[in-house]
Amino acid sequence: MRADEMDPQAAAAVERQSRIPIPHNRYALKLFRGLMQGVSRLRNRNLPDVGATADATIPGPDGDLDARLSLPEGDGPFPTVVFFHGGGFVFGTVETHEWLCRHLANDSGCGVLSVEYRLAPEHPFPAAVEDAYAAVEWASEHTDALSGTGRVAVAGDSAGGNLAAVVSLMTAKQDGPDIAYQTLLYPGVGVDPDQRSVAENEGIVLSRADIEWFGDCYYGNDIHRRNPYADPTNAADVSGVPPATVVTAGFDPLRDGGKRCADQLAADGVDTRHVNYDDMVHGFLTMREVDTARDGIRDVAGDLGNALYDG
């Protein structure tokens, strides 16, 4: 599942990213969040055009959630993809993922509603899950505000992929909103420190210490770690969840966890497509300088468009 060599563009992106290490304490984390926000705003001066964008607030269980809607060209209505950003549950915003979301909207022909959620360690599990579920409920009930058709999918990368998978499980088991598809991009699920991918990819984008710190901030204790609504690979049965695309990367410490998720979905009868980019790294779909990022976005967008328009 891993190529002999990392893609050169991805390797260069990893080297640049490593110059700003992820902090492992609360004070430094606040500074890091501010830095990431500033960098994102600078980079977002050159974004792909879309048909329209709009900022929105969504009522959450503990206050309003910021969101941003990107619509493709055309008159609509469009199916809606609710997107959850990555960032280890401790950082990330709609702006850190706007480049990805705009391309996803254009390539899928769907509206993409990127939603922020409460972050750990200030707000540990289940805060993010509660916010994500509330966002999907709102999107399902406010079709007109989204220029929507009423067809809804979920998507997310890394920690956001975890939330997309969790919400898919919750809605299926609790008779919640109808989700037509789930797109899980190198999701933060099923990760075991003894997995081969963790050992062989230590320090590539994510270190073992990063993964452990994210988990400590978000889960807080082993009881929460074992909760299926914290990690769906803990569920005894995931049948009934929507069809899925699961993307993994060969040089990603989380690769084997994502494969575990895809295998579980398929074993329980869920129509699942697992795509592994064997020379890519964690987070590659947000790396603008990596040509494979655009190829990957087009690929998953095709699955979303097919599911939401033809399903």
Protein backbone atom coordinates (compact mmCIF):
# COMPACT_ATOMS: atom_id res chain seq x y z
CA MET A 1 0.00 0.00 0.00
CA ARG A 2 3.07 2.25 0.02
CA ALA A 3 5.18 3.12 -3.00
CA ASP A 4 8.96 2.81 -2.93
CA GLU A 5 9.29 6.61 -2.98
CA MET A 6 7.10 9.51 -1.98
CA ASP A 7 5.84 11.79 -4.73
CA PRO A 8 8.43 14.63 -5.07
CA GLN A 9 5.79 17.37 -4.90
CA ALA A 10 4.31 15.82 -1.77
CA ALA A 11 7.79 15.48 -0.24
CA ALA A 12 8.44 19.19 -0.84
CA ALA A 13 5.09 20.08 0.74
CA VAL A 14 5.88 17.93 3.79
CA GLU A 15 9.25 19.65 4.19
CA ARG A 16 7.63 23.09 4.10
CA GLN A 17 4.94 22.04 6.55
CA SER A 18 7.48 20.61 8.99
CA ARG A 19 8.92 24.08 9.56
CA ILE A 20 5.90 24.86 11.76
CA PRO A 21 5.56 21.90 14.16
CA ILE A 22 2.24 21.13 15.82
CA PRO A 23 2.36 22.29 19.46
CA HIS A 24 1.41 20.00 22.31
CA ASN A 25 0.25 22.49 24.92
CA ARG A 26 -2.77 24.75 25.19
CA TYR A 27 -0.99 28.10 25.16
CA ALA A 28 1.08 27.32 22.08
CA LEU A 29 -2.00 25.82 20.42
CA LYS A 30 -3.78 29.18 20.58
CA LEU A 31 -0.83 30.83 18.85
CA PHE A 32 -0.72 28.04 16.28
CA ARG A 33 -4.42 28.46 15.48
CA GLY A 34 -3.91 32.17 14.92
CA LEU A 35 -0.92 31.51 12.68
CA MET A 36 -2.83 28.96 10.61
CA GLN A 37 -5.72 31.37 10.22
CA GLY A 38 -3.41 34.12 9.00
CA VAL A 39 -1.63 31.82 6.56
CA SER A 40 -4.97 30.60 5.23
CA ARG A 41 -6.22 34.11 4.60
CA LEU A 42 -3.08 34.96 2.65
CA ARG A 43 -3.29 31.80 0.56
CA ASN A 44 -7.00 32.28 -0.01
CA ARG A 45 -6.39 35.46 -1.99
CA ASN A 46 -6.08 33.16 -4.99
CA LEU A 47 -8.99 30.73 -4.89
CA PRO A 48 -10.84 28.98 -7.71
CA ASP A 49 -13.98 30.78 -8.85
CA VAL A 50 -17.33 29.24 -7.98
CA GLY A 51 -20.87 30.19 -8.81
CA ALA A 52 -21.50 31.81 -5.42
CA THR A 53 -20.37 31.75 -1.80
CA ALA A 54 -22.18 32.73 1.37
CA ASP A 55 -21.29 32.69 5.04
CA ALA A 56 -23.89 31.28 7.37
CA THR A 57 -24.50 30.51 11.02
CA ILE A 58 -26.09 27.24 12.04
CA PRO A 59 -27.76 26.76 15.43
CA GLY A 60 -25.68 24.30 17.42
CA PRO A 61 -26.31 22.63 20.76
CA ASP A 62 -24.04 25.12 22.56
CA GLY A 63 -24.17 28.19 20.34
CA ASP A 64 -24.04 29.10 16.68
CA LEU A 65 -21.67 27.30 14.29
CA ASP A 66 -19.90 29.22 11.54
CA ALA A 67 -20.29 27.78 8.06
CA ARG A 68 -19.50 28.69 4.47
CA LEU A 69 -21.48 27.59 1.43
CA SER A 70 -19.83 27.21 -1.98
CA LEU A 71 -22.14 26.71 -4.95
CA PRO A 72 -21.10 25.64 -8.45
CA GLU A 73 -21.96 27.57 -11.58
CA GLY A 74 -25.55 27.30 -12.72
CA ASP A 75 -29.04 28.10 -11.55
CA GLY A 76 -29.53 25.13 -9.25
CA PRO A 77 -30.94 23.67 -7.19
CA PHE A 78 -27.98 21.53 -6.20
CA PRO A 79 -27.48 18.56 -3.89
CA THR A 80 -25.66 19.50 -0.67
CA VAL A 81 -22.42 18.10 0.73
CA VAL A 82 -21.86 18.93 4.41
CA PHE A 83 -18.08 19.08 4.88
CA PHE A 84 -16.11 18.83 8.14
CA HIS A 85 -12.51 20.07 8.19
CA GLY A 86 -9.55 18.21 9.60
CA GLY A 87 -7.04 19.36 12.19
CA GLY A 88 -6.82 16.63 14.82
CA PHE A 89 -10.01 17.97 16.48
CA VAL A 90 -7.89 20.83 17.88
CA PHE A 91 -7.49 23.29 15.00
CA GLY A 92 -8.87 24.06 11.54
CA THR A 93 -11.57 26.37 10.16
CA VAL A 94 -13.63 26.83 7.03
CA GLU A 95 -10.77 28.97 5.69
CA THR A 96 -8.09 26.28 6.06
CA HIS A 97 -10.14 24.06 3.73
CA GLU A 98 -11.76 26.59 1.40
CA TRP A 99 -9.55 25.71 -1.59
CA LEU A 100 -10.55 22.05 -1.29
CA CYS A 101 -14.24 22.83 -0.78
CA ARG A 102 -14.45 25.17 -3.76
CA HIS A 103 -12.90 22.59 -6.05
CA LEU A 104 -15.21 19.94 -4.59
CA ALA A 105 -18.23 22.12 -5.41
CA ASN A 106 -17.10 22.78 -8.97
CA ASP A 107 -16.10 19.20 -9.69
CA SER A 108 -19.17 17.53 -8.16
CA GLY A 109 -21.80 20.05 -9.23
CA CYS A 110 -22.99 20.14 -5.61
CA GLY A 111 -23.22 22.84 -3.02
CA VAL A 112 -20.59 22.34 -0.33
CA LEU A 113 -21.44 23.55 3.16
CA SER A 114 -18.22 23.67 5.18
CA VAL A 115 -19.00 23.71 8.89
CA GLU A 116 -16.89 24.60 11.90
CA TYR A 117 -17.33 22.73 15.15
CA ARG A 118 -16.18 23.13 18.73
CA LEU A 119 -12.53 22.20 19.14
CA ALA A 120 -10.67 20.25 21.79
CA PRO A 121 -9.13 20.46 24.31
CA GLU A 122 -11.53 23.23 25.34
CA HIS A 123 -14.44 21.12 24.07
CA PRO A 124 -13.64 17.39 24.14
CA PHE A 125 -15.81 14.54 22.85
CA PRO A 126 -18.73 14.54 22.25
CA ALA A 127 -18.89 18.28 21.46
CA ALA A 128 -17.67 17.98 17.86
CA VAL A 129 -20.02 15.07 17.19
CA GLU A 130 -22.99 16.97 18.56
CA ASP A 131 -22.15 19.97 16.36
CA ALA A 132 -21.66 17.83 13.26
CA TYR A 133 -24.98 16.07 13.75
CA ALA A 134 -26.74 19.39 14.31
CA ALA A 135 -25.25 20.74 11.09
CA VAL A 136 -26.54 17.79 9.06
CA GLU A 137 -29.98 18.11 10.64
CA TRP A 138 -30.04 21.82 9.78
CA ALA A 139 -28.90 21.22 6.20
CA SER A 140 -31.60 18.59 5.74
CA GLU A 141 -34.28 20.95 7.03
CA HIS A 142 -33.19 24.17 5.26
CA THR A 143 -32.99 23.15 1.64
CA ASP A 144 -34.11 26.53 0.31
CA ALA A 145 -31.39 28.41 2.21
CA LEU A 146 -28.78 26.19 0.53
CA SER A 147 -30.26 26.26 -3.00
CA GLY A 148 -30.59 22.56 -2.36
CA THR A 149 -32.46 19.67 -3.88
CA GLY A 150 -32.94 17.94 -0.54
CA ARG A 151 -30.28 15.31 -1.30
CA VAL A 152 -27.50 15.47 1.33
CA ALA A 153 -24.10 13.82 1.66
CA VAL A 154 -21.32 14.22 4.20
CA ALA A 155 -17.59 14.51 3.66
CA GLY A 156 -14.51 15.34 5.68
CA ASP A 157 -10.79 14.92 5.90
CA SER A 158 -8.76 13.48 8.80
CA ALA A 159 -10.65 14.43 11.99
CA GLY A 160 -13.45 15.68 9.74
CA GLY A 161 -13.52 12.27 8.06
CA ASN A 162 -14.06 10.79 11.50
CA LEU A 163 -17.02 13.13 12.04
CA ALA A 164 -18.51 12.34 8.63
CA ALA A 165 -18.32 8.61 9.39
CA VAL A 166 -19.74 9.09 12.90
CA VAL A 167 -22.69 11.18 11.69
CA SER A 168 -23.39 8.59 9.00
CA LEU A 169 -23.53 5.90 11.67
CA MET A 170 -25.66 7.99 14.04
CA THR A 171 -28.25 8.91 11.44
CA ALA A 172 -28.53 5.28 10.33
CA LYS A 173 -28.94 3.86 13.83
CA GLN A 174 -31.06 6.67 15.29
CA ASP A 175 -33.45 7.23 12.37
CA GLY A 176 -31.94 10.64 11.72
CA PRO A 177 -31.67 12.70 8.53
CA ASP A 178 -31.26 10.78 5.29
CA ILE A 179 -27.63 10.86 4.15
CA ALA A 180 -27.11 9.65 0.60
CA TYR A 181 -23.31 9.26 0.62
CA GLN A 182 -20.22 9.61 2.79
CA THR A 183 -16.76 10.65 1.60
CA LEU A 184 -14.00 9.88 4.08
CA LEU A 185 -10.64 11.44 3.19
CA TYR A 186 -7.75 9.80 5.10
CA PRO A 187 -10.13 9.61 8.08
CA GLY A 188 -8.94 9.63 11.69
CA VAL A 189 -10.58 6.31 12.54
CA GLY A 190 -9.40 2.85 13.53
CA VAL A 191 -5.92 4.05 14.43
CA ASP A 192 -3.78 1.73 16.56
CA PRO A 193 -0.25 2.74 17.62
CA ASP A 194 0.94 -0.77 16.76
CA GLN A 195 -0.23 -0.56 13.14
CA ARG A 196 2.40 -0.87 10.44
CA SER A 197 1.45 2.48 8.89
CA VAL A 198 2.13 4.30 12.16
CA ALA A 199 5.57 2.72 12.49
CA GLU A 200 6.72 3.13 8.90
CA ASN A 201 5.39 6.68 8.44
CA GLU A 202 6.33 8.14 11.83
CA GLY A 203 6.93 11.87 11.51
CA ILE A 204 5.57 12.28 7.96
CA VAL A 205 3.10 15.14 8.50
CA LEU A 206 2.06 13.47 11.78
CA SER A 207 4.28 12.10 14.51
CA ARG A 208 3.24 9.44 16.97
CA ALA A 209 3.30 12.17 19.62
CA ASP A 210 0.93 14.31 17.52
CA ILE A 211 -1.53 11.44 17.19
CA GLU A 212 -1.41 10.67 20.89
CA TRP A 213 -1.85 14.31 21.85
CA PHE A 214 -4.83 14.76 19.54
CA GLY A 215 -6.41 11.67 21.07
CA ASP A 216 -5.78 12.81 24.62
CA CYS A 217 -7.29 16.23 23.89
CA TYR A 218 -10.37 14.88 22.15
CA TYR A 219 -11.24 11.57 23.79
CA GLY A 220 -10.03 12.30 27.29
CA ASN A 221 -10.28 8.70 28.48
CA ASP A 222 -10.37 5.12 27.23
CA ILE A 223 -14.12 4.83 27.71
CA HIS A 224 -14.68 7.57 25.14
CA ARG A 225 -12.08 6.09 22.81
CA ARG A 226 -14.12 2.88 22.66
CA ASN A 227 -17.41 4.63 21.92
CA PRO A 228 -18.68 3.89 18.38
CA TYR A 229 -19.75 7.53 18.11
CA ALA A 230 -16.15 8.56 18.77
CA ASP A 231 -14.76 6.05 16.27
CA PRO A 232 -17.14 3.98 14.11
CA THR A 233 -14.63 1.13 13.81
CA ASN A 234 -15.63 0.36 17.41
CA ALA A 235 -19.17 -0.47 16.25
CA ALA A 236 -20.20 -4.11 16.15
CA ASP A 237 -22.28 -3.50 13.02
CA VAL A 238 -22.21 -0.61 10.54
CA SER A 239 -24.75 -2.03 8.11
CA GLY A 240 -27.32 0.50 6.97
CA VAL A 241 -24.92 3.44 6.72
CA PRO A 242 -24.71 5.23 3.37
CA PRO A 243 -22.39 4.12 0.57
CA ALA A 244 -18.85 5.40 0.95
CA THR A 245 -15.65 6.45 -0.71
CA VAL A 246 -12.63 6.03 1.57
CA VAL A 247 -9.34 7.64 0.55
CA THR A 248 -6.02 6.67 2.12
CA ALA A 249 -2.39 7.57 1.43
CA GLY A 250 0.60 5.24 1.41
CA PHE A 251 2.87 7.52 3.45
CA ASP A 252 0.21 8.37 6.04
CA PRO A 253 0.42 7.07 9.63
CA LEU A 254 -3.41 6.85 9.55
CA ARG A 255 -3.46 4.69 6.40
CA ASP A 256 -4.16 1.35 8.07
CA GLY A 257 -6.93 2.83 10.20
CA GLY A 258 -8.64 4.09 7.04
CA LYS A 259 -8.26 0.68 5.41
CA ARG A 260 -9.72 -0.92 8.52
CA CYS A 261 -12.73 1.39 8.18
CA ALA A 262 -13.18 0.58 4.49
CA ASP A 263 -12.88 -3.16 5.12
CA GLN A 264 -15.44 -2.97 7.94
CA LEU A 265 -17.93 -1.10 5.76
CA ALA A 266 -17.56 -3.59 2.93
CA ALA A 267 -17.80 -6.59 5.27
CA ASP A 268 -21.09 -5.27 6.66
CA GLY A 269 -22.60 -4.94 3.19
CA VAL A 270 -22.04 -1.21 2.58
CA ASP A 271 -21.21 -0.27 -1.02
CA THR A 272 -17.66 1.01 -0.51
CA ARG A 273 -14.87 2.20 -2.80
CA HIS A 274 -11.42 2.37 -1.20
CA VAL A 275 -8.77 4.34 -3.07
CA ASN A 276 -5.18 4.30 -1.81
CA TYR A 277 -2.70 6.81 -3.24
CA ASP A 278 0.46 4.88 -2.55
CA ASP A 279 2.92 7.78 -3.01
CA MET A 280 0.88 10.41 -1.16
CA VAL A 281 0.85 11.73 2.42
CA HIS A 282 -1.69 12.68 5.05
CA GLY A 283 -3.54 15.84 4.05
CA PHE A 284 -2.47 15.76 0.40
CA LEU A 285 -5.88 16.89 -0.90
CA THR A 286 -5.29 20.33 0.65
CA MET A 287 -1.75 20.64 -0.76
CA ARG A 288 -2.21 23.06 -3.64
CA GLU A 289 1.28 22.51 -5.06
CA VAL A 290 0.70 18.75 -5.45
CA ASP A 291 -0.79 17.82 -8.83
CA THR A 292 -2.35 14.64 -7.44
CA ALA A 293 -4.47 16.77 -5.10
CA ARG A 294 -6.55 18.03 -8.00
CA ASP A 295 -6.80 14.53 -9.48
CA GLY A 296 -7.95 13.18 -6.13
CA ILE A 297 -10.55 15.87 -5.61
CA ARG A 298 -11.98 15.29 -9.09
CA ASP A 299 -12.16 11.58 -8.38
CA VAL A 300 -14.09 11.80 -5.11
CA ALA A 301 -16.23 14.60 -6.53
CA GLY A 302 -17.26 12.24 -9.31
CA ASP A 303 -18.48 9.72 -6.75
CA LEU A 304 -20.45 12.41 -4.93
CA GLY A 305 -22.01 13.75 -8.12
CA ASN A 306 -22.97 10.29 -9.31
CA ALA A 307 -24.52 9.38 -5.97
CA LEU A 308 -26.42 12.63 -5.45
CA TYR A 309 -27.66 13.19 -8.98
CA ASP A 310 -28.23 9.60 -10.08
CA GLY A 311 -29.19 7.97 -6.78
